[in-house]
Amino acid sequence: MKRLLFLLIFCVCIFANSYAQSYDYRFKSYSSESSRLGDSIWFNDVPYPRGQFYALVRQKKLKVKEGNRYGDSVYFKGKWMDPDQYASNYYFETAMMPGIEFEYYKPFRSDSLGAWSGISVEYLFYGKVHNDDENGPGHFKFYGKLGILENSKSNIPIMLDYSLGMSLSWEKNPKRTWLIPNFGLEAGGFSQKQLGSIFYFTPIAGIQFIALQNLFVGAYAGYRYPLTNFENMRGFIASASIDFSLWK
């Protein structure tokens, strides 16, 4: 009887030690795997590096399978959505989008020089929206514009205004497609019969009212700094623009 009891205790000790080693190995493996994949995004039971996942979403290579409610969906803003829906609204790049802008320019010597205003043709060369926690602005635009501005005084000729600009969101992860505070910089020049050609740069700030894959609507204000004739031509500018396309 004692022999059987000793044998039973011996077997229990061997089993406990073996199980502990096995558990410890599995725990270490799990911890290592969790550390390695902790910053990944799980999609259809597969971990993707964050950059690769967003690239696949932008390329529309991830689809929700029929009958699978959550496995192939993206969880964002408290709800599950199709990757195409997510990419269209919250993580996309766009390019070559035409638009128009209304601009108002009031130089410092507006009492004698008047103020200029008019419609410009705007071209959005590149735009990017990414709602995530990566460093950097969540919204970015690079654009160019060309316009003919008329003066408030009838005896002063029109002005040809041209510039390149970029705007960036203050937030890195707005998690919305509307009312995005932005800041940026425009650089260009204008030509006018009496003033000649003057180059300038303009720090700007404003609001992007809507930022979608096919539509950008915003308003901005800033202060223009001309490189020549500074005392007379420095001044306030305000603009409102819309860029849109029919492709997707």
C-alpha atoms as a PDB file:
ATOM      1  CA  MET A   1       0.000   0.000   0.000  1.00  0.00           C
ATOM      2  CA  LYS A   2       2.809   2.359   0.921  1.00  0.00           C
ATOM      3  CA  ARG A   3       4.554   1.519  -2.361  1.00  0.00           C
ATOM      4  CA  LEU A   4       1.450   2.389  -4.335  1.00  0.00           C
ATOM      5  CA  LEU A   5       1.070   5.666  -2.417  1.00  0.00           C
ATOM      6  CA  PHE A   6       4.709   6.601  -3.069  1.00  0.00           C
ATOM      7  CA  LEU A   7       4.292   5.678  -6.750  1.00  0.00           C
ATOM      8  CA  LEU A   8       1.151   7.830  -7.012  1.00  0.00           C
ATOM      9  CA  ILE A   9       2.877  10.811  -5.369  1.00  0.00           C
ATOM     10  CA  PHE A  10       5.889  10.339  -7.675  1.00  0.00           C
ATOM     11  CA  CYS A  11       3.624  10.305 -10.778  1.00  0.00           C
ATOM     12  CA  VAL A  12       1.746  13.421  -9.615  1.00  0.00           C
ATOM     13  CA  CYS A  13       5.028  15.292  -9.047  1.00  0.00           C
ATOM     14  CA  ILE A  14       6.324  14.296 -12.489  1.00  0.00           C
ATOM     15  CA  PHE A  15       3.056  15.351 -14.169  1.00  0.00           C
ATOM     16  CA  ALA A  16       2.894  18.675 -12.279  1.00  0.00           C
ATOM     17  CA  ASN A  17       6.473  19.528 -13.195  1.00  0.00           C
ATOM     18  CA  SER A  18       5.893  18.602 -16.844  1.00  0.00           C
ATOM     19  CA  TYR A  19       2.671  20.632 -16.996  1.00  0.00           C
ATOM     20  CA  ALA A  20       4.341  23.633 -15.348  1.00  0.00           C
ATOM     21  CA  GLN A  21       7.170  23.569 -17.886  1.00  0.00           C
ATOM     22  CA  SER A  22       4.683  23.227 -20.723  1.00  0.00           C
ATOM     23  CA  TYR A  23       2.523  26.073 -19.379  1.00  0.00           C
ATOM     24  CA  ASP A  24       5.566  28.258 -18.870  1.00  0.00           C
ATOM     25  CA  TYR A  25       6.680  27.616 -22.472  1.00  0.00           C
ATOM     26  CA  ARG A  26       3.215  28.348 -23.845  1.00  0.00           C
ATOM     27  CA  PHE A  27       2.951  31.500 -21.721  1.00  0.00           C
ATOM     28  CA  LYS A  28       6.340  32.761 -22.961  1.00  0.00           C
ATOM     29  CA  SER A  29       5.372  31.978 -26.554  1.00  0.00           C
ATOM     30  CA  TYR A  30       2.056  33.778 -26.136  1.00  0.00           C
ATOM     31  CA  SER A  31       3.732  36.778 -24.485  1.00  0.00           C
ATOM     32  CA  SER A  32       6.329  36.968 -27.252  1.00  0.00           C
ATOM     33  CA  GLU A  33       3.659  36.702 -29.939  1.00  0.00           C
ATOM     34  CA  SER A  34       1.483  39.306 -28.220  1.00  0.00           C
ATOM     35  CA  SER A  35       4.409  41.690 -28.001  1.00  0.00           C
ATOM     36  CA  ARG A  36       5.265  41.149 -31.632  1.00  0.00           C
ATOM     37  CA  LEU A  37       1.685  41.572 -32.860  1.00  0.00           C
ATOM     38  CA  GLY A  38       0.406  43.989 -30.266  1.00  0.00           C
ATOM     39  CA  ASP A  39       0.617  46.951 -32.635  1.00  0.00           C
ATOM     40  CA  SER A  40      -0.935  45.048 -35.526  1.00  0.00           C
ATOM     41  CA  ILE A  41      -4.481  45.256 -36.842  1.00  0.00           C
ATOM     42  CA  TRP A  42      -6.378  41.975 -36.882  1.00  0.00           C
ATOM     43  CA  PHE A  43      -8.498  41.396 -39.960  1.00  0.00           C
ATOM     44  CA  ASN A  44     -10.118  38.061 -40.797  1.00  0.00           C
ATOM     45  CA  ASP A  45      -8.043  36.417 -38.041  1.00  0.00           C
ATOM     46  CA  VAL A  46      -4.805  37.622 -39.669  1.00  0.00           C
ATOM     47  CA  PRO A  47      -2.525  40.278 -38.103  1.00  0.00           C
ATOM     48  CA  TYR A  48      -1.418  43.049 -40.455  1.00  0.00           C
ATOM     49  CA  PRO A  49       1.225  45.687 -39.775  1.00  0.00           C
ATOM     50  CA  ARG A  50      -0.581  49.013 -39.533  1.00  0.00           C
ATOM     51  CA  GLY A  51       0.996  50.466 -42.677  1.00  0.00           C
ATOM     52  CA  GLN A  52       0.269  47.373 -44.754  1.00  0.00           C
ATOM     53  CA  PHE A  53      -3.328  47.238 -43.545  1.00  0.00           C
ATOM     54  CA  TYR A  54      -4.015  50.863 -44.512  1.00  0.00           C
ATOM     55  CA  ALA A  55      -2.316  50.348 -47.877  1.00  0.00           C
ATOM     56  CA  LEU A  56      -4.566  47.353 -48.588  1.00  0.00           C
ATOM     57  CA  VAL A  57      -7.609  49.325 -47.486  1.00  0.00           C
ATOM     58  CA  ARG A  58      -6.691  52.192 -49.827  1.00  0.00           C
ATOM     59  CA  GLN A  59      -6.226  49.703 -52.672  1.00  0.00           C
ATOM     60  CA  LYS A  60      -9.625  48.153 -51.844  1.00  0.00           C
ATOM     61  CA  LYS A  61      -8.136  44.672 -51.532  1.00  0.00           C
ATOM     62  CA  LEU A  62      -9.978  43.837 -48.312  1.00  0.00           C
ATOM     63  CA  LYS A  63     -13.599  42.771 -48.641  1.00  0.00           C
ATOM     64  CA  VAL A  64     -16.285  41.719 -46.205  1.00  0.00           C
ATOM     65  CA  LYS A  65     -17.331  38.142 -46.875  1.00  0.00           C
ATOM     66  CA  GLU A  66     -21.009  37.334 -47.044  1.00  0.00           C
ATOM     67  CA  GLY A  67     -22.297  36.068 -43.732  1.00  0.00           C
ATOM     68  CA  ASN A  68     -19.258  37.295 -41.798  1.00  0.00           C
ATOM     69  CA  ARG A  69     -20.466  40.238 -39.747  1.00  0.00           C
ATOM     70  CA  TYR A  70     -17.277  41.157 -37.900  1.00  0.00           C
ATOM     71  CA  GLY A  71     -14.297  39.144 -39.113  1.00  0.00           C
ATOM     72  CA  ASP A  72     -13.626  41.184 -42.236  1.00  0.00           C
ATOM     73  CA  SER A  73     -14.975  44.513 -41.011  1.00  0.00           C
ATOM     74  CA  VAL A  74     -13.162  47.573 -39.734  1.00  0.00           C
ATOM     75  CA  TYR A  75     -14.139  48.775 -36.258  1.00  0.00           C
ATOM     76  CA  PHE A  76     -14.088  52.579 -36.189  1.00  0.00           C
ATOM     77  CA  LYS A  77     -16.009  55.272 -34.291  1.00  0.00           C
ATOM     78  CA  GLY A  78     -17.925  52.648 -32.324  1.00  0.00           C
ATOM     79  CA  LYS A  79     -19.257  50.684 -35.270  1.00  0.00           C
ATOM     80  CA  TRP A  80     -18.274  48.013 -37.777  1.00  0.00           C
ATOM     81  CA  MET A  81     -18.068  49.003 -41.423  1.00  0.00           C
ATOM     82  CA  ASP A  82     -17.015  47.664 -44.783  1.00  0.00           C
ATOM     83  CA  PRO A  83     -13.363  48.514 -45.634  1.00  0.00           C
ATOM     84  CA  ASP A  84     -14.562  50.332 -48.770  1.00  0.00           C
ATOM     85  CA  GLN A  85     -16.797  52.550 -46.661  1.00  0.00           C
ATOM     86  CA  TYR A  86     -13.958  53.162 -44.213  1.00  0.00           C
ATOM     87  CA  ALA A  87     -11.484  53.954 -47.002  1.00  0.00           C
ATOM     88  CA  SER A  88     -13.883  56.351 -48.742  1.00  0.00           C
ATOM     89  CA  ASN A  89     -14.424  58.461 -45.642  1.00  0.00           C
ATOM     90  CA  TYR A  90     -11.551  58.071 -43.215  1.00  0.00           C
ATOM     91  CA  TYR A  91      -8.380  56.814 -44.926  1.00  0.00           C
ATOM     92  CA  PHE A  92      -7.730  57.726 -48.544  1.00  0.00           C
ATOM     93  CA  GLU A  93      -5.543  59.560 -51.011  1.00  0.00           C
ATOM     94  CA  THR A  94      -6.819  61.611 -53.919  1.00  0.00           C
ATOM     95  CA  ALA A  95      -5.195  63.585 -56.730  1.00  0.00           C
ATOM     96  CA  MET A  96      -5.852  65.856 -59.703  1.00  0.00           C
ATOM     97  CA  MET A  97      -9.145  67.259 -58.439  1.00  0.00           C
ATOM     98  CA  PRO A  98     -10.408  70.515 -60.059  1.00  0.00           C
ATOM     99  CA  GLY A  99     -12.124  73.282 -58.125  1.00  0.00           C
ATOM    100  CA  ILE A 100     -12.912  76.968 -57.802  1.00  0.00           C
ATOM    101  CA  GLU A 101     -12.114  79.581 -55.162  1.00  0.00           C
ATOM    102  CA  PHE A 102     -13.364  83.022 -54.252  1.00  0.00           C
ATOM    103  CA  GLU A 103     -10.617  85.298 -52.932  1.00  0.00           C
ATOM    104  CA  TYR A 104     -10.623  88.696 -51.239  1.00  0.00           C
ATOM    105  CA  TYR A 105      -7.385  90.671 -50.839  1.00  0.00           C
ATOM    106  CA  LYS A 106      -7.151  93.957 -48.939  1.00  0.00           C
ATOM    107  CA  PRO A 107      -3.676  95.535 -48.994  1.00  0.00           C
ATOM    108  CA  PHE A 108      -2.470  97.835 -46.238  1.00  0.00           C
ATOM    109  CA  ARG A 109      -2.889 100.944 -48.470  1.00  0.00           C
ATOM    110  CA  SER A 110      -6.397  99.993 -49.521  1.00  0.00           C
ATOM    111  CA  ASP A 111      -7.562 103.612 -49.130  1.00  0.00           C
ATOM    112  CA  SER A 112      -5.582 104.522 -52.254  1.00  0.00           C
ATOM    113  CA  LEU A 113      -5.042 101.110 -53.875  1.00  0.00           C
ATOM    114  CA  GLY A 114      -8.489  99.631 -53.250  1.00  0.00           C
ATOM    115  CA  ALA A 115      -9.187  95.947 -52.544  1.00  0.00           C
ATOM    116  CA  TRP A 116      -9.140  93.036 -54.997  1.00  0.00           C
ATOM    117  CA  SER A 117     -11.606  90.162 -55.234  1.00  0.00           C
ATOM    118  CA  GLY A 118     -12.598  87.516 -57.746  1.00  0.00           C
ATOM    119  CA  ILE A 119     -12.861  83.886 -58.762  1.00  0.00           C
ATOM    120  CA  SER A 120      -9.812  81.632 -59.142  1.00  0.00           C
ATOM    121  CA  VAL A 121      -9.438  78.234 -60.744  1.00  0.00           C
ATOM    122  CA  GLU A 122      -8.039  75.843 -58.131  1.00  0.00           C
ATOM    123  CA  TYR A 123      -6.430  72.472 -58.733  1.00  0.00           C
ATOM    124  CA  LEU A 124      -5.937  69.970 -55.927  1.00  0.00           C
ATOM    125  CA  PHE A 125      -2.766  68.135 -56.969  1.00  0.00           C
ATOM    126  CA  TYR A 126      -2.717  65.771 -53.994  1.00  0.00           C
ATOM    127  CA  GLY A 127      -4.804  65.198 -50.887  1.00  0.00           C
ATOM    128  CA  LYS A 128      -4.523  62.683 -48.081  1.00  0.00           C
ATOM    129  CA  VAL A 129      -6.772  61.832 -45.138  1.00  0.00           C
ATOM    130  CA  HIS A 130      -5.744  59.284 -42.505  1.00  0.00           C
ATOM    131  CA  ASN A 131      -7.604  59.005 -39.219  1.00  0.00           C
ATOM    132  CA  ASP A 132      -5.176  57.104 -37.020  1.00  0.00           C
ATOM    133  CA  ASP A 133      -2.654  57.721 -34.266  1.00  0.00           C
ATOM    134  CA  GLU A 134       0.390  57.941 -36.531  1.00  0.00           C
ATOM    135  CA  ASN A 135       2.496  61.074 -36.104  1.00  0.00           C
ATOM    136  CA  GLY A 136       1.753  64.006 -38.344  1.00  0.00           C
ATOM    137  CA  PRO A 137      -1.401  65.758 -39.541  1.00  0.00           C
ATOM    138  CA  GLY A 138      -4.470  63.642 -40.278  1.00  0.00           C
ATOM    139  CA  HIS A 139      -5.360  65.795 -43.306  1.00  0.00           C
ATOM    140  CA  PHE A 140      -3.030  67.177 -45.985  1.00  0.00           C
ATOM    141  CA  LYS A 141      -3.666  69.137 -49.205  1.00  0.00           C
ATOM    142  CA  PHE A 142      -1.299  70.405 -51.898  1.00  0.00           C
ATOM    143  CA  TYR A 143      -2.889  72.655 -54.506  1.00  0.00           C
ATOM    144  CA  GLY A 144      -2.364  75.410 -57.048  1.00  0.00           C
ATOM    145  CA  LYS A 145      -4.590  78.260 -58.192  1.00  0.00           C
ATOM    146  CA  LEU A 146      -4.823  80.916 -60.878  1.00  0.00           C
ATOM    147  CA  GLY A 147      -7.262  83.807 -60.806  1.00  0.00           C
ATOM    148  CA  ILE A 148      -8.175  87.208 -62.190  1.00  0.00           C
ATOM    149  CA  LEU A 149      -9.094  89.698 -59.466  1.00  0.00           C
ATOM    150  CA  GLU A 150     -10.947  92.960 -59.984  1.00  0.00           C
ATOM    151  CA  ASN A 151     -10.358  96.077 -57.928  1.00  0.00           C
ATOM    152  CA  SER A 152     -12.980  97.908 -55.894  1.00  0.00           C
ATOM    153  CA  LYS A 153     -11.880 101.140 -57.617  1.00  0.00           C
ATOM    154  CA  SER A 154     -12.976 101.309 -61.238  1.00  0.00           C
ATOM    155  CA  ASN A 155      -9.826 103.156 -62.394  1.00  0.00           C
ATOM    156  CA  ILE A 156      -7.395 100.442 -61.193  1.00  0.00           C
ATOM    157  CA  PRO A 157      -6.681  97.551 -63.634  1.00  0.00           C
ATOM    158  CA  ILE A 158      -7.291  93.893 -62.856  1.00  0.00           C
ATOM    159  CA  MET A 159      -4.696  91.660 -61.207  1.00  0.00           C
ATOM    160  CA  LEU A 160      -3.476  88.199 -62.254  1.00  0.00           C
ATOM    161  CA  ASP A 161      -2.886  86.111 -59.127  1.00  0.00           C
ATOM    162  CA  TYR A 162      -1.137  82.706 -59.070  1.00  0.00           C
ATOM    163  CA  SER A 163       0.179  80.536 -56.237  1.00  0.00           C
ATOM    164  CA  LEU A 164       0.907  77.094 -54.820  1.00  0.00           C
ATOM    165  CA  GLY A 165      -0.254  76.154 -51.361  1.00  0.00           C
ATOM    166  CA  MET A 166      -0.547  73.433 -48.790  1.00  0.00           C
ATOM    167  CA  SER A 167      -2.769  72.988 -45.768  1.00  0.00           C
ATOM    168  CA  LEU A 168      -2.504  70.568 -42.841  1.00  0.00           C
ATOM    169  CA  SER A 169      -4.856  69.691 -40.017  1.00  0.00           C
ATOM    170  CA  TRP A 170      -3.950  70.592 -36.445  1.00  0.00           C
ATOM    171  CA  GLU A 171      -5.155  67.136 -35.379  1.00  0.00           C
ATOM    172  CA  LYS A 172      -3.483  63.831 -36.201  1.00  0.00           C
ATOM    173  CA  ASN A 173      -6.663  61.802 -35.669  1.00  0.00           C
ATOM    174  CA  PRO A 174      -9.803  63.928 -36.174  1.00  0.00           C
ATOM    175  CA  LYS A 175     -12.106  60.865 -36.513  1.00  0.00           C
ATOM    176  CA  ARG A 176     -14.553  62.941 -38.545  1.00  0.00           C
ATOM    177  CA  THR A 177     -14.987  64.294 -42.055  1.00  0.00           C
ATOM    178  CA  TRP A 178     -16.246  67.780 -41.173  1.00  0.00           C
ATOM    179  CA  LEU A 179     -15.068  70.970 -39.417  1.00  0.00           C
ATOM    180  CA  ILE A 180     -11.342  70.201 -39.453  1.00  0.00           C
ATOM    181  CA  PRO A 181      -9.169  73.149 -38.243  1.00  0.00           C
ATOM    182  CA  ASN A 182      -6.266  73.642 -40.660  1.00  0.00           C
ATOM    183  CA  PHE A 183      -3.184  75.777 -41.077  1.00  0.00           C
ATOM    184  CA  GLY A 184      -0.882  76.182 -44.056  1.00  0.00           C
ATOM    185  CA  LEU A 185       1.172  78.338 -46.378  1.00  0.00           C
ATOM    186  CA  GLU A 186       0.731  79.765 -49.867  1.00  0.00           C
ATOM    187  CA  ALA A 187       3.524  81.126 -52.054  1.00  0.00           C
ATOM    188  CA  GLY A 188       3.141  82.776 -55.436  1.00  0.00           C
ATOM    189  CA  GLY A 189       2.874  86.153 -57.083  1.00  0.00           C
ATOM    190  CA  PHE A 190       0.613  88.603 -58.835  1.00  0.00           C
ATOM    191  CA  SER A 191       0.985  90.775 -61.901  1.00  0.00           C
ATOM    192  CA  GLN A 192      -0.742  94.110 -62.387  1.00  0.00           C
ATOM    193  CA  LYS A 193      -0.189  96.895 -64.905  1.00  0.00           C
ATOM    194  CA  GLN A 194       0.600  99.648 -62.394  1.00  0.00           C
ATOM    195  CA  LEU A 195       2.419  97.507 -59.807  1.00  0.00           C
ATOM    196  CA  GLY A 196       4.300  95.092 -62.043  1.00  0.00           C
ATOM    197  CA  SER A 197       5.073  91.577 -60.791  1.00  0.00           C
ATOM    198  CA  ILE A 198       5.336  90.983 -57.068  1.00  0.00           C
ATOM    199  CA  PHE A 199       6.061  87.674 -55.337  1.00  0.00           C
ATOM    200  CA  TYR A 200       4.648  86.863 -51.922  1.00  0.00           C
ATOM    201  CA  PHE A 201       4.037  84.217 -49.273  1.00  0.00           C
ATOM    202  CA  THR A 202       0.936  83.941 -47.100  1.00  0.00           C
ATOM    203  CA  PRO A 203       0.534  81.990 -43.832  1.00  0.00           C
ATOM    204  CA  ILE A 204      -3.084  80.856 -43.585  1.00  0.00           C
ATOM    205  CA  ALA A 205      -5.458  79.214 -41.111  1.00  0.00           C
ATOM    206  CA  GLY A 206      -9.049  78.095 -41.480  1.00  0.00           C
ATOM    207  CA  ILE A 207     -11.659  75.362 -41.435  1.00  0.00           C
ATOM    208  CA  GLN A 208     -12.134  72.405 -43.761  1.00  0.00           C
ATOM    209  CA  PHE A 209     -15.929  72.129 -43.683  1.00  0.00           C
ATOM    210  CA  ILE A 210     -16.027  68.827 -45.568  1.00  0.00           C
ATOM    211  CA  ALA A 211     -13.194  66.411 -46.427  1.00  0.00           C
ATOM    212  CA  LEU A 212     -14.342  63.443 -48.517  1.00  0.00           C
ATOM    213  CA  GLN A 213     -12.719  61.415 -51.255  1.00  0.00           C
ATOM    214  CA  ASN A 214     -14.609  63.352 -53.942  1.00  0.00           C
ATOM    215  CA  LEU A 215     -15.279  66.649 -52.201  1.00  0.00           C
ATOM    216  CA  PHE A 216     -13.285  69.239 -50.245  1.00  0.00           C
ATOM    217  CA  VAL A 217     -14.915  72.459 -49.025  1.00  0.00           C
ATOM    218  CA  GLY A 218     -13.065  74.976 -46.884  1.00  0.00           C
ATOM    219  CA  ALA A 219     -12.510  78.619 -45.924  1.00  0.00           C
ATOM    220  CA  TYR A 220      -9.236  80.298 -44.979  1.00  0.00           C
ATOM    221  CA  ALA A 221      -7.810  83.629 -43.890  1.00  0.00           C
ATOM    222  CA  GLY A 222      -4.246  84.894 -43.693  1.00  0.00           C
ATOM    223  CA  TYR A 223      -1.834  87.755 -44.013  1.00  0.00           C
ATOM    224  CA  ARG A 224       0.086  88.331 -47.229  1.00  0.00           C
ATOM    225  CA  TYR A 225       3.777  89.245 -47.119  1.00  0.00           C
ATOM    226  CA  PRO A 226       5.041  90.618 -50.462  1.00  0.00           C
ATOM    227  CA  LEU A 227       8.770  90.483 -51.192  1.00  0.00           C
ATOM    228  CA  THR A 228       8.734  93.953 -52.776  1.00  0.00           C
ATOM    229  CA  ASN A 229       6.604  97.054 -52.149  1.00  0.00           C
ATOM    230  CA  PHE A 230       6.039  95.636 -48.683  1.00  0.00           C
ATOM    231  CA  GLU A 231       4.648  98.768 -47.001  1.00  0.00           C
ATOM    232  CA  ASN A 232       1.859  99.174 -49.515  1.00  0.00           C
ATOM    233  CA  MET A 233       0.954  95.614 -50.550  1.00  0.00           C
ATOM    234  CA  ARG A 234       1.091  93.630 -47.306  1.00  0.00           C
ATOM    235  CA  GLY A 235      -2.393  92.867 -46.116  1.00  0.00           C
ATOM    236  CA  PHE A 236      -5.288  90.606 -45.227  1.00  0.00           C
ATOM    237  CA  ILE A 237      -6.642  87.869 -47.492  1.00  0.00           C
ATOM    238  CA  ALA A 238      -9.675  85.588 -47.162  1.00  0.00           C
ATOM    239  CA  SER A 239     -10.828  82.775 -49.409  1.00  0.00           C
ATOM    240  CA  ALA A 240     -13.404  80.007 -49.737  1.00  0.00           C
ATOM    241  CA  SER A 241     -12.865  77.029 -52.033  1.00  0.00           C
ATOM    242  CA  ILE A 242     -14.515  73.858 -53.259  1.00  0.00           C
ATOM    243  CA  ASP A 243     -12.742  70.958 -55.008  1.00  0.00           C
ATOM    244  CA  PHE A 244     -14.747  68.082 -56.430  1.00  0.00           C
ATOM    245  CA  SER A 245     -14.589  65.168 -58.846  1.00  0.00           C
ATOM    246  CA  LEU A 246     -16.982  62.631 -60.359  1.00  0.00           C
ATOM    247  CA  TRP A 247     -14.576  59.710 -60.220  1.00  0.00           C
ATOM    248  CA  LYS A 248     -13.757  57.486 -57.273  1.00  0.00           C
END
